[in-house]
Amino acid sequence: AGVKQDPLTLIEPLLGSALHNLSEFKLPHALTGPFSRGDQHVIRLHLEVLKNKSPDILRLYLTMAESTLELARQLPESRGPSKEALEQIQIFLRQFEQDALTGTVEQKNHGTPG
């Protein structure tokens, strides 16, 4: 209990799996994870955690999410999420990004002497 693992040890299997899928299946069929499943709940959880813990990484996630969403749209519906699920994801990603940017601007304005 309380023993910290090296972050590389935690991410290495994920990276290895991603590289294997990419070489084996090519894009977009190598896509895995919440975007490939249309899992809005998990994507929302990712966004909330990043917003509260790592705002700088949140911007990267949102940028990568747009590209990943485009890949998910290329999957056949028999293998990927429905077009409706992807549309809903895009809507809340854009809303979340607007809200996050507005929050960032407000935080900066509160800290600036007027």
Protein backbone atom coordinates (compact mmCIF):
# COMPACT_ATOMS: atom_id res chain seq x y z
CA ALA A 1 0.00 0.00 0.00
CA GLY A 2 1.22 3.47 -0.82
CA VAL A 3 3.88 2.27 -3.25
CA LYS A 4 4.01 4.48 -6.33
CA GLN A 5 4.51 2.88 -9.71
CA ASP A 6 6.66 4.45 -12.37
CA PRO A 7 4.30 6.15 -14.88
CA LEU A 8 6.20 4.55 -17.76
CA THR A 9 5.45 1.12 -16.31
CA LEU A 10 1.76 1.99 -16.33
CA ILE A 11 1.60 3.38 -19.86
CA GLU A 12 4.00 0.99 -21.58
CA PRO A 13 1.42 -1.82 -22.11
CA LEU A 14 -1.06 0.69 -23.57
CA LEU A 15 1.50 2.06 -25.97
CA GLY A 16 2.63 -1.42 -26.97
CA SER A 17 -0.94 -2.47 -27.66
CA ALA A 18 -1.64 0.69 -29.65
CA LEU A 19 1.46 0.21 -31.80
CA HIS A 20 0.62 -3.46 -32.38
CA ASN A 21 -2.93 -2.56 -33.47
CA LEU A 22 -1.64 0.18 -35.73
CA SER A 23 0.81 -2.11 -37.50
CA GLU A 24 -1.64 -5.01 -37.66
CA PHE A 25 -4.91 -3.30 -38.60
CA LYS A 26 -4.04 0.21 -39.90
CA LEU A 27 -6.22 3.25 -39.31
CA PRO A 28 -9.08 3.65 -38.65
CA HIS A 29 -9.50 -0.05 -37.73
CA ALA A 30 -6.69 0.12 -35.17
CA LEU A 31 -8.67 2.65 -33.15
CA THR A 32 -9.63 1.47 -29.66
CA GLY A 33 -10.90 3.21 -26.57
CA PRO A 34 -13.91 5.35 -25.76
CA PHE A 35 -14.09 7.11 -29.14
CA SER A 36 -14.16 3.81 -31.02
CA ARG A 37 -17.03 2.69 -28.78
CA GLY A 38 -18.86 6.02 -28.65
CA ASP A 39 -18.49 5.90 -24.86
CA GLN A 40 -19.59 9.41 -23.90
CA HIS A 41 -19.48 8.65 -20.18
CA VAL A 42 -15.77 7.77 -20.20
CA ILE A 43 -14.89 10.75 -22.40
CA ARG A 44 -16.75 13.07 -20.01
CA LEU A 45 -14.87 11.55 -17.06
CA HIS A 46 -11.56 12.11 -18.85
CA LEU A 47 -12.49 15.75 -19.49
CA GLU A 48 -13.55 16.42 -15.89
CA VAL A 49 -10.42 14.85 -14.41
CA LEU A 50 -8.15 16.75 -16.78
CA LYS A 51 -10.02 20.02 -16.19
CA ASN A 52 -9.46 19.70 -12.44
CA LYS A 53 -6.01 18.09 -12.38
CA SER A 54 -4.17 19.00 -15.62
CA PRO A 55 -5.62 21.96 -17.56
CA ASP A 56 -2.62 22.01 -19.91
CA ILE A 57 -3.18 18.37 -20.85
CA LEU A 58 -6.90 19.11 -21.23
CA ARG A 59 -6.13 21.32 -24.25
CA LEU A 60 -4.04 18.51 -25.78
CA TYR A 61 -6.84 15.99 -25.11
CA LEU A 62 -9.41 18.24 -26.78
CA THR A 63 -7.17 18.71 -29.82
CA MET A 64 -6.52 14.98 -30.10
CA ALA A 65 -10.21 14.25 -29.52
CA GLU A 66 -11.17 16.08 -32.71
CA SER A 67 -8.77 13.93 -34.76
CA THR A 68 -9.85 10.75 -33.00
CA LEU A 69 -13.49 11.61 -33.63
CA GLU A 70 -12.75 11.89 -37.35
CA LEU A 71 -11.12 8.44 -37.29
CA ALA A 72 -14.13 6.99 -35.46
CA ARG A 73 -16.39 8.40 -38.18
CA GLN A 74 -14.47 6.32 -40.73
CA LEU A 75 -15.29 3.06 -38.93
CA PRO A 76 -18.18 1.05 -40.33
CA GLU A 77 -21.17 1.24 -37.98
CA SER A 78 -21.00 -2.53 -37.55
CA ARG A 79 -17.58 -2.02 -35.90
CA GLY A 80 -17.87 1.46 -34.41
CA PRO A 81 -20.30 3.80 -32.72
CA SER A 82 -23.43 5.16 -34.36
CA LYS A 83 -23.31 8.45 -36.23
CA GLU A 84 -25.68 9.88 -33.61
CA ALA A 85 -23.34 8.95 -30.75
CA LEU A 86 -20.41 10.57 -32.55
CA GLU A 87 -22.46 13.70 -33.21
CA GLN A 88 -23.36 13.94 -29.52
CA ILE A 89 -19.71 13.52 -28.58
CA GLN A 90 -18.71 16.31 -30.94
CA ILE A 91 -21.38 18.62 -29.50
CA PHE A 92 -20.33 18.11 -25.90
CA LEU A 93 -16.61 18.33 -26.78
CA ARG A 94 -17.21 21.74 -28.34
CA GLN A 95 -19.34 22.86 -25.41
CA PHE A 96 -16.78 21.61 -22.92
CA GLU A 97 -14.00 23.40 -24.78
CA GLN A 98 -15.94 26.67 -24.79
CA ASP A 99 -16.73 26.31 -21.08
CA ALA A 100 -13.13 25.41 -20.23
CA LEU A 101 -11.73 28.35 -22.18
CA THR A 102 -14.25 30.73 -20.60
CA GLY A 103 -13.32 29.40 -17.16
CA THR A 104 -9.63 29.90 -17.93
CA VAL A 105 -10.23 33.49 -19.04
CA GLU A 106 -12.30 34.20 -15.91
CA GLN A 107 -9.62 32.71 -13.64
CA LYS A 108 -6.92 34.83 -15.29
CA ASN A 109 -9.05 37.99 -15.00
CA HIS A 110 -9.69 37.39 -11.29
CA GLY A 111 -5.96 37.17 -10.64
CA THR A 112 -5.12 40.35 -12.55
CA PRO A 113 -5.14 43.65 -10.67
CA GLY A 114 -7.63 46.01 -12.28
